[in-house]
PDB file of N, CA and C in Angstrom:
ATOM      1  N   UNK A   1      13.426  -0.279   4.740  1.00  0.00           N
ATOM      2  CA  UNK A   1      13.684   0.619   3.636  1.00  0.00           C
ATOM      3  C   UNK A   1      12.529   0.509   2.633  1.00  0.00           C
ATOM      4  N   UNK A   2      12.106   1.634   2.134  1.00  0.00           N
ATOM      5  CA  UNK A   2      11.041   1.664   1.129  1.00  0.00           C
ATOM      6  C   UNK A   2      11.628   1.436  -0.248  1.00  0.00           C
ATOM      7  N   UNK A   3      10.953   0.631  -1.078  1.00  0.00           N
ATOM      8  CA  UNK A   3      11.365   0.468  -2.466  1.00  0.00           C
ATOM      9  C   UNK A   3      10.133   0.565  -3.348  1.00  0.00           C
ATOM     10  N   UNK A   4      10.348   1.042  -4.554  1.00  0.00           N
ATOM     11  CA  UNK A   4       9.253   1.245  -5.486  1.00  0.00           C
ATOM     12  C   UNK A   4       8.644  -0.096  -5.881  1.00  0.00           C
ATOM     13  N   UNK A   5       7.314  -0.166  -5.890  1.00  0.00           N
ATOM     14  CA  UNK A   5       6.605  -1.350  -6.348  1.00  0.00           C
ATOM     15  C   UNK A   5       6.480  -1.236  -7.859  1.00  0.00           C
ATOM     16  N   UNK A   6       7.119  -2.142  -8.561  1.00  0.00           N
ATOM     17  CA  UNK A   6       7.192  -2.093 -10.022  1.00  0.00           C
ATOM     18  C   UNK A   6       5.977  -2.760 -10.661  1.00  0.00           C
ATOM     19  N   UNK A   7       5.633  -2.384 -11.907  1.00  0.00           N
ATOM     20  CA  UNK A   7       4.546  -3.066 -12.615  1.00  0.00           C
ATOM     21  C   UNK A   7       4.844  -4.564 -12.726  1.00  0.00           C
ATOM     22  N   UNK A   8       3.847  -5.376 -12.454  1.00  0.00           N
ATOM     23  CA  UNK A   8       4.014  -6.824 -12.522  1.00  0.00           C
ATOM     24  C   UNK A   8       4.502  -7.458 -11.233  1.00  0.00           C
ATOM     25  N   UNK A   9       4.978  -6.650 -10.297  1.00  0.00           N
ATOM     26  CA  UNK A   9       5.453  -7.166  -9.014  1.00  0.00           C
ATOM     27  C   UNK A   9       4.245  -7.384  -8.101  1.00  0.00           C
ATOM     28  N   UNK A  10       4.200  -8.521  -7.422  1.00  0.00           N
ATOM     29  CA  UNK A  10       3.054  -8.812  -6.568  1.00  0.00           C
ATOM     30  C   UNK A  10       3.390  -8.545  -5.101  1.00  0.00           C
ATOM     31  N   UNK A  11       2.359  -8.480  -4.288  1.00  0.00           N
ATOM     32  CA  UNK A  11       2.504  -8.279  -2.849  1.00  0.00           C
ATOM     33  C   UNK A  11       1.939  -9.498  -2.133  1.00  0.00           C
ATOM     34  N   UNK A  12       2.261  -9.628  -0.854  1.00  0.00           N
ATOM     35  CA  UNK A  12       1.770 -10.728  -0.028  1.00  0.00           C
ATOM     36  C   UNK A  12       0.961 -10.146   1.122  1.00  0.00           C
ATOM     37  N   UNK A  13       0.083 -10.967   1.696  1.00  0.00           N
ATOM     38  CA  UNK A  13      -0.660 -10.526   2.871  1.00  0.00           C
ATOM     39  C   UNK A  13       0.330 -10.154   3.969  1.00  0.00           C
ATOM     40  N   UNK A  14       0.065  -9.044   4.631  1.00  0.00           N
ATOM     41  CA  UNK A  14       0.943  -8.578   5.699  1.00  0.00           C
ATOM     42  C   UNK A  14       1.994  -7.584   5.248  1.00  0.00           C
ATOM     43  N   UNK A  15       2.196  -7.419   3.931  1.00  0.00           N
ATOM     44  CA  UNK A  15       3.141  -6.415   3.439  1.00  0.00           C
ATOM     45  C   UNK A  15       2.633  -5.021   3.805  1.00  0.00           C
ATOM     46  N   UNK A  16       3.555  -4.084   3.884  1.00  0.00           N
ATOM     47  CA  UNK A  16       3.236  -2.697   4.207  1.00  0.00           C
ATOM     48  C   UNK A  16       3.562  -1.845   2.986  1.00  0.00           C
ATOM     49  N   UNK A  17       2.587  -1.053   2.540  1.00  0.00           N
ATOM     50  CA  UNK A  17       2.768  -0.215   1.360  1.00  0.00           C
ATOM     51  C   UNK A  17       2.374   1.220   1.680  1.00  0.00           C
ATOM     52  N   UNK A  18       2.835   2.126   0.830  1.00  0.00           N
ATOM     53  CA  UNK A  18       2.443   3.537   0.922  1.00  0.00           C
ATOM     54  C   UNK A  18       2.509   4.132  -0.471  1.00  0.00           C
ATOM     55  N   UNK A  19       1.853   5.279  -0.631  1.00  0.00           N
ATOM     56  CA  UNK A  19       1.952   6.013  -1.884  1.00  0.00           C
ATOM     57  C   UNK A  19       3.320   6.672  -1.950  1.00  0.00           C
ATOM     58  N   UNK A  20       3.908   6.708  -3.123  1.00  0.00           N
ATOM     59  CA  UNK A  20       5.226   7.330  -3.280  1.00  0.00           C
ATOM     60  C   UNK A  20       5.124   8.820  -3.041  1.00  0.00           C
ATOM     61  N   UNK A  21       5.951   9.344  -2.122  1.00  0.00           N
ATOM     62  CA  UNK A  21       5.913  10.786  -1.856  1.00  0.00           C
ATOM     63  C   UNK A  21       6.439  11.591  -3.037  1.00  0.00           C
ATOM     64  N   UNK A  22       5.925  12.812  -3.167  1.00  0.00           N
ATOM     65  CA  UNK A  22       6.420  13.719  -4.196  1.00  0.00           C
ATOM     66  C   UNK A  22       5.742  13.564  -5.537  1.00  0.00           C
ATOM     67  N   UNK A  23       4.786  12.664  -5.657  1.00  0.00           N
ATOM     68  CA  UNK A  23       4.075  12.477  -6.914  1.00  0.00           C
ATOM     69  C   UNK A  23       2.644  12.976  -6.769  1.00  0.00           C
ATOM     70  N   UNK A  24       1.970  13.242  -7.889  1.00  0.00           N
ATOM     71  CA  UNK A  24       0.625  13.816  -7.798  1.00  0.00           C
ATOM     72  C   UNK A  24      -0.392  12.847  -7.191  1.00  0.00           C
ATOM     73  N   UNK A  25      -0.821  13.132  -5.988  1.00  0.00           N
ATOM     74  CA  UNK A  25      -1.912  12.461  -5.290  1.00  0.00           C
ATOM     75  C   UNK A  25      -2.236  13.326  -4.077  1.00  0.00           C
ATOM     76  N   UNK A  26      -3.373  13.114  -3.455  1.00  0.00           N
ATOM     77  CA  UNK A  26      -3.707  13.946  -2.285  1.00  0.00           C
ATOM     78  C   UNK A  26      -2.616  13.877  -1.214  1.00  0.00           C
ATOM     79  N   UNK A  27      -2.202  15.028  -0.695  1.00  0.00           N
ATOM     80  CA  UNK A  27      -1.092  15.083   0.261  1.00  0.00           C
ATOM     81  C   UNK A  27      -1.390  14.345   1.555  1.00  0.00           C
ATOM     82  N   UNK A  28      -2.656  14.157   1.896  1.00  0.00           N
ATOM     83  CA  UNK A  28      -2.996  13.422   3.110  1.00  0.00           C
ATOM     84  C   UNK A  28      -2.493  11.976   3.017  1.00  0.00           C
ATOM     85  N   UNK A  29      -2.360  11.444   1.825  1.00  0.00           N
ATOM     86  CA  UNK A  29      -1.893  10.070   1.637  1.00  0.00           C
ATOM     87  C   UNK A  29      -0.395   9.926   1.892  1.00  0.00           C
ATOM     88  N   UNK A  30       0.362  11.042   1.873  1.00  0.00           N
ATOM     89  CA  UNK A  30       1.802  10.974   2.138  1.00  0.00           C
ATOM     90  C   UNK A  30       2.100  10.447   3.540  1.00  0.00           C
ATOM     91  N   UNK A  31       1.229  10.713   4.474  1.00  0.00           N
ATOM     92  CA  UNK A  31       1.445  10.324   5.866  1.00  0.00           C
ATOM     93  C   UNK A  31       0.921   8.924   6.172  1.00  0.00           C
ATOM     94  N   UNK A  32       0.150   8.326   5.273  1.00  0.00           N
ATOM     95  CA  UNK A  32      -0.531   7.066   5.560  1.00  0.00           C
ATOM     96  C   UNK A  32       0.296   5.855   5.138  1.00  0.00           C
ATOM     97  N   UNK A  33       0.228   4.834   5.972  1.00  0.00           N
ATOM     98  CA  UNK A  33       0.867   3.551   5.689  1.00  0.00           C
ATOM     99  C   UNK A  33      -0.246   2.510   5.676  1.00  0.00           C
ATOM    100  N   UNK A  34      -0.205   1.587   4.718  1.00  0.00           N
ATOM    101  CA  UNK A  34      -1.273   0.615   4.527  1.00  0.00           C
ATOM    102  C   UNK A  34      -0.761  -0.804   4.700  1.00  0.00           C
ATOM    103  N   UNK A  35      -1.601  -1.667   5.273  1.00  0.00           N
ATOM    104  CA  UNK A  35      -1.333  -3.107   5.358  1.00  0.00           C
ATOM    105  C   UNK A  35      -2.065  -3.804   4.221  1.00  0.00           C
ATOM    106  N   UNK A  36      -1.418  -4.780   3.614  1.00  0.00           N
ATOM    107  CA  UNK A  36      -2.092  -5.620   2.625  1.00  0.00           C
ATOM    108  C   UNK A  36      -2.870  -6.665   3.417  1.00  0.00           C
ATOM    109  N   UNK A  37      -4.211  -6.661   3.254  1.00  0.00           N
ATOM    110  CA  UNK A  37      -5.034  -7.577   4.044  1.00  0.00           C
ATOM    111  C   UNK A  37      -5.634  -8.706   3.211  1.00  0.00           C
ATOM    112  N   UNK A  38      -5.544  -8.615   1.883  1.00  0.00           N
ATOM    113  CA  UNK A  38      -6.045  -9.679   1.016  1.00  0.00           C
ATOM    114  C   UNK A  38      -5.318  -9.597  -0.318  1.00  0.00           C
ATOM    115  N   UNK A  39      -5.004 -10.750  -0.892  1.00  0.00           N
ATOM    116  CA  UNK A  39      -4.386 -10.774  -2.214  1.00  0.00           C
ATOM    117  C   UNK A  39      -5.151 -11.726  -3.114  1.00  0.00           C
ATOM    118  N   UNK A  40      -5.122 -11.436  -4.386  1.00  0.00           N
ATOM    119  CA  UNK A  40      -5.746 -12.269  -5.406  1.00  0.00           C
ATOM    120  C   UNK A  40      -4.844 -12.218  -6.633  1.00  0.00           C
ATOM    121  N   UNK A  41      -5.210 -12.918  -7.664  1.00  0.00           N
ATOM    122  CA  UNK A  41      -4.381 -12.952  -8.874  1.00  0.00           C
ATOM    123  C   UNK A  41      -4.336 -11.593  -9.564  1.00  0.00           C
ATOM    124  N   UNK A  42      -5.444 -10.856  -9.535  1.00  0.00           N
ATOM    125  CA  UNK A  42      -5.540  -9.610 -10.296  1.00  0.00           C
ATOM    126  C   UNK A  42      -5.586  -8.344  -9.443  1.00  0.00           C
ATOM    127  N   UNK A  43      -5.730  -8.483  -8.132  1.00  0.00           N
ATOM    128  CA  UNK A  43      -5.847  -7.303  -7.273  1.00  0.00           C
ATOM    129  C   UNK A  43      -5.393  -7.637  -5.859  1.00  0.00           C
ATOM    130  N   UNK A  44      -5.243  -6.595  -5.051  1.00  0.00           N
ATOM    131  CA  UNK A  44      -5.013  -6.771  -3.619  1.00  0.00           C
ATOM    132  C   UNK A  44      -5.773  -5.695  -2.868  1.00  0.00           C
ATOM    133  N   UNK A  45      -6.031  -5.947  -1.599  1.00  0.00           N
ATOM    134  CA  UNK A  45      -6.813  -5.040  -0.764  1.00  0.00           C
ATOM    135  C   UNK A  45      -5.911  -4.516   0.346  1.00  0.00           C
ATOM    136  N   UNK A  46      -5.937  -3.192   0.552  1.00  0.00           N
ATOM    137  CA  UNK A  46      -5.142  -2.579   1.612  1.00  0.00           C
ATOM    138  C   UNK A  46      -6.069  -1.860   2.583  1.00  0.00           C
ATOM    139  N   UNK A  47      -5.613  -1.740   3.825  1.00  0.00           N
ATOM    140  CA  UNK A  47      -6.331  -0.990   4.861  1.00  0.00           C
ATOM    141  C   UNK A  47      -5.321  -0.100   5.562  1.00  0.00           C
ATOM    142  N   UNK A  48      -5.773   1.062   5.983  1.00  0.00           N
ATOM    143  CA  UNK A  48      -4.900   1.977   6.715  1.00  0.00           C
ATOM    144  C   UNK A  48      -4.393   1.258   7.953  1.00  0.00           C
ATOM    145  N   UNK A  49      -3.086   1.275   8.165  1.00  0.00           N
ATOM    146  CA  UNK A  49      -2.456   0.501   9.234  1.00  0.00           C
ATOM    147  C   UNK A  49      -3.032   0.831  10.608  1.00  0.00           C
ATOM    148  N   UNK A  50      -3.282   2.085  10.907  1.00  0.00           N
ATOM    149  CA  UNK A  50      -3.793   2.483  12.220  1.00  0.00           C
ATOM    150  C   UNK A  50      -5.216   1.999  12.450  1.00  0.00           C
ATOM    151  N   UNK A  51      -5.996   1.820  11.375  1.00  0.00           N
ATOM    152  CA  UNK A  51      -7.398   1.420  11.501  1.00  0.00           C
ATOM    153  C   UNK A  51      -7.590  -0.090  11.509  1.00  0.00           C
ATOM    154  N   UNK A  52      -6.523  -0.845  11.362  1.00  0.00           N
ATOM    155  CA  UNK A  52      -6.644  -2.289  11.250  1.00  0.00           C
ATOM    156  C   UNK A  52      -7.279  -2.914  12.487  1.00  0.00           C
ATOM    157  N   UNK A  53      -6.998  -2.371  13.675  1.00  0.00           N
ATOM    158  CA  UNK A  53      -7.512  -2.934  14.914  1.00  0.00           C
ATOM    159  C   UNK A  53      -8.998  -2.649  15.109  1.00  0.00           C
ATOM    160  N   UNK A  54      -9.480  -1.503  14.629  1.00  0.00           N
ATOM    161  CA  UNK A  54     -10.890  -1.158  14.820  1.00  0.00           C
ATOM    162  C   UNK A  54     -11.682  -1.550  13.573  1.00  0.00           C
ATOM    163  N   UNK A  55     -12.312  -2.692  13.615  1.00  0.00           N
ATOM    164  CA  UNK A  55     -13.020  -3.240  12.455  1.00  0.00           C
ATOM    165  C   UNK A  55     -14.219  -2.384  12.050  1.00  0.00           C
ATOM    166  N   UNK A  56     -14.767  -1.596  12.980  1.00  0.00           N
ATOM    167  CA  UNK A  56     -15.930  -0.779  12.660  1.00  0.00           C
ATOM    168  C   UNK A  56     -15.601   0.311  11.634  1.00  0.00           C
ATOM    169  N   UNK A  57     -14.434   0.918  11.759  1.00  0.00           N
ATOM    170  CA  UNK A  57     -14.051   2.024  10.882  1.00  0.00           C
ATOM    171  C   UNK A  57     -13.008   1.621   9.849  1.00  0.00           C
ATOM    172  N   UNK A  58     -12.921   0.353   9.549  1.00  0.00           N
ATOM    173  CA  UNK A  58     -11.892  -0.135   8.641  1.00  0.00           C
ATOM    174  C   UNK A  58     -12.135   0.385   7.228  1.00  0.00           C
ATOM    175  N   UNK A  59     -11.185   1.125   6.712  1.00  0.00           N
ATOM    176  CA  UNK A  59     -11.266   1.652   5.363  1.00  0.00           C
ATOM    177  C   UNK A  59     -10.400   0.789   4.469  1.00  0.00           C
ATOM    178  N   UNK A  60     -11.016   0.161   3.501  1.00  0.00           N
ATOM    179  CA  UNK A  60     -10.303  -0.738   2.595  1.00  0.00           C
ATOM    180  C   UNK A  60     -10.276  -0.142   1.198  1.00  0.00           C
ATOM    181  N   UNK A  61      -9.196  -0.406   0.497  1.00  0.00           N
ATOM    182  CA  UNK A  61      -9.045   0.042  -0.877  1.00  0.00           C
ATOM    183  C   UNK A  61      -8.601  -1.141  -1.720  1.00  0.00           C
ATOM    184  N   UNK A  62      -9.262  -1.340  -2.838  1.00  0.00           N
ATOM    185  CA  UNK A  62      -8.893  -2.399  -3.768  1.00  0.00           C
ATOM    186  C   UNK A  62      -7.984  -1.792  -4.830  1.00  0.00           C
ATOM    187  N   UNK A  63      -6.827  -2.413  -5.033  1.00  0.00           N
ATOM    188  CA  UNK A  63      -5.859  -1.928  -6.018  1.00  0.00           C
ATOM    189  C   UNK A  63      -5.610  -3.035  -7.030  1.00  0.00           C
ATOM    190  N   UNK A  64      -5.817  -2.734  -8.293  1.00  0.00           N
ATOM    191  CA  UNK A  64      -5.558  -3.711  -9.354  1.00  0.00           C
ATOM    192  C   UNK A  64      -4.073  -3.697  -9.687  1.00  0.00           C
ATOM    193  N   UNK A  65      -3.512  -4.890  -9.854  1.00  0.00           N
ATOM    194  CA  UNK A  65      -2.092  -4.985 -10.197  1.00  0.00           C
ATOM    195  C   UNK A  65      -1.769  -4.235 -11.481  1.00  0.00           C
ATOM    196  N   UNK A  66      -2.693  -4.217 -12.434  1.00  0.00           N
ATOM    197  CA  UNK A  66      -2.404  -3.555 -13.712  1.00  0.00           C
ATOM    198  C   UNK A  66      -2.274  -2.039 -13.565  1.00  0.00           C
ATOM    199  N   UNK A  67      -2.743  -1.457 -12.450  1.00  0.00           N
ATOM    200  CA  UNK A  67      -2.608  -0.016 -12.216  1.00  0.00           C
ATOM    201  C   UNK A  67      -1.317   0.359 -11.499  1.00  0.00           C
ATOM    202  N   UNK A  68      -0.694  -0.600 -10.816  1.00  0.00           N
ATOM    203  CA  UNK A  68       0.510  -0.311 -10.035  1.00  0.00           C
ATOM    204  C   UNK A  68       1.647   0.078 -10.962  1.00  0.00           C
ATOM    205  N   UNK A  69       2.250   1.211 -10.682  1.00  0.00           N
ATOM    206  CA  UNK A  69       3.373   1.692 -11.474  1.00  0.00           C
ATOM    207  C   UNK A  69       2.961   2.575 -12.632  1.00  0.00           C
ATOM    208  N   UNK A  70       1.750   2.397 -13.124  1.00  0.00           N
ATOM    209  CA  UNK A  70       1.262   3.210 -14.240  1.00  0.00           C
ATOM    210  C   UNK A  70       0.356   4.328 -13.729  1.00  0.00           C
ATOM    211  N   UNK A  71      -0.698   3.974 -12.996  1.00  0.00           N
ATOM    212  CA  UNK A  71      -1.647   4.953 -12.475  1.00  0.00           C
ATOM    213  C   UNK A  71      -1.513   5.170 -10.976  1.00  0.00           C
ATOM    214  N   UNK A  72      -0.974   4.184 -10.271  1.00  0.00           N
ATOM    215  CA  UNK A  72      -0.860   4.261  -8.819  1.00  0.00           C
ATOM    216  C   UNK A  72       0.602   4.046  -8.428  1.00  0.00           C
ATOM    217  N   UNK A  73       1.289   5.108  -8.004  1.00  0.00           N
ATOM    218  CA  UNK A  73       2.695   4.969  -7.591  1.00  0.00           C
ATOM    219  C   UNK A  73       2.796   4.501  -6.134  1.00  0.00           C
ATOM    220  N   UNK A  74       3.236   3.266  -5.915  1.00  0.00           N
ATOM    221  CA  UNK A  74       3.330   2.709  -4.573  1.00  0.00           C
ATOM    222  C   UNK A  74       4.754   2.318  -4.238  1.00  0.00           C
ATOM    223  N   UNK A  75       5.029   2.285  -2.938  1.00  0.00           N
ATOM    224  CA  UNK A  75       6.288   1.759  -2.411  1.00  0.00           C
ATOM    225  C   UNK A  75       5.945   0.655  -1.423  1.00  0.00           C
ATOM    226  N   UNK A  76       6.852  -0.320  -1.281  1.00  0.00           N
ATOM    227  CA  UNK A  76       6.653  -1.418  -0.359  1.00  0.00           C
ATOM    228  C   UNK A  76       7.807  -1.402   0.649  1.00  0.00           C
ATOM    229  N   UNK A  77       7.496  -1.703   1.898  1.00  0.00           N
ATOM    230  CA  UNK A  77       8.497  -1.738   2.952  1.00  0.00           C
ATOM    231  C   UNK A  77       9.245  -3.046   2.870  1.00  0.00           C
ATOM    232  N   UNK A  78      10.557  -3.001   2.789  1.00  0.00           N
ATOM    233  CA  UNK A  78      11.337  -4.223   2.624  1.00  0.00           C
ATOM    234  C   UNK A  78      12.159  -4.563   3.855  1.00  0.00           C
ATOM    235  N   UNK A  79      11.911  -3.894   4.982  1.00  0.00           N
ATOM    236  CA  UNK A  79      12.659  -4.162   6.210  1.00  0.00           C
ATOM    237  C   UNK A  79      11.858  -5.014   7.172  1.00  0.00           C
ATOM    238  N   UNK A  80      12.327  -5.068   8.409  1.00  0.00           N
ATOM    239  CA  UNK A  80      11.679  -5.890   9.429  1.00  0.00           C
ATOM    240  C   UNK A  80      10.481  -5.187  10.061  1.00  0.00           C
ATOM    241  N   UNK A  81      10.493  -3.884  10.133  1.00  0.00           N
ATOM    242  CA  UNK A  81       9.392  -3.146  10.729  1.00  0.00           C
ATOM    243  C   UNK A  81       9.120  -1.888   9.942  1.00  0.00           C
ATOM    244  N   UNK A  82       7.901  -1.368   9.984  1.00  0.00           N
ATOM    245  CA  UNK A  82       7.604  -0.187   9.190  1.00  0.00           C
ATOM    246  C   UNK A  82       8.321   1.038   9.713  1.00  0.00           C
ATOM    247  N   UNK A  83       8.807   1.838   8.808  1.00  0.00           N
ATOM    248  CA  UNK A  83       9.461   3.088   9.180  1.00  0.00           C
ATOM    249  C   UNK A  83       9.203   4.121   8.104  1.00  0.00           C
ATOM    250  N   UNK A  84       9.169   5.337   8.487  1.00  0.00           N
ATOM    251  CA  UNK A  84       8.939   6.394   7.512  1.00  0.00           C
ATOM    252  C   UNK A  84      10.275   6.990   7.128  1.00  0.00           C
ATOM    253  N   UNK A  85      10.519   7.059   5.830  1.00  0.00           N
ATOM    254  CA  UNK A  85      11.772   7.639   5.343  1.00  0.00           C
ATOM    255  C   UNK A  85      11.663   9.143   5.244  1.00  0.00           C
TER     256      UNK A  85
END
């Protein structure tokens, strides 16, 4: 089940996140699911889940915790396996 990632809430390596559907952002991101591949105190790094296996084309995005919930609407998967709602 997807749940909203709240401001101040942290993620762990291996978590699965996505942009919240229905909010202003490029529509291509609605279909994408991201793996958290690195965490730090102030930021975390995500990569598109499908591209994780091919290191040559790995697209990474750095997200600052202070932007989550305010500028970047994200959801985190809280179940055993990723699923699209």
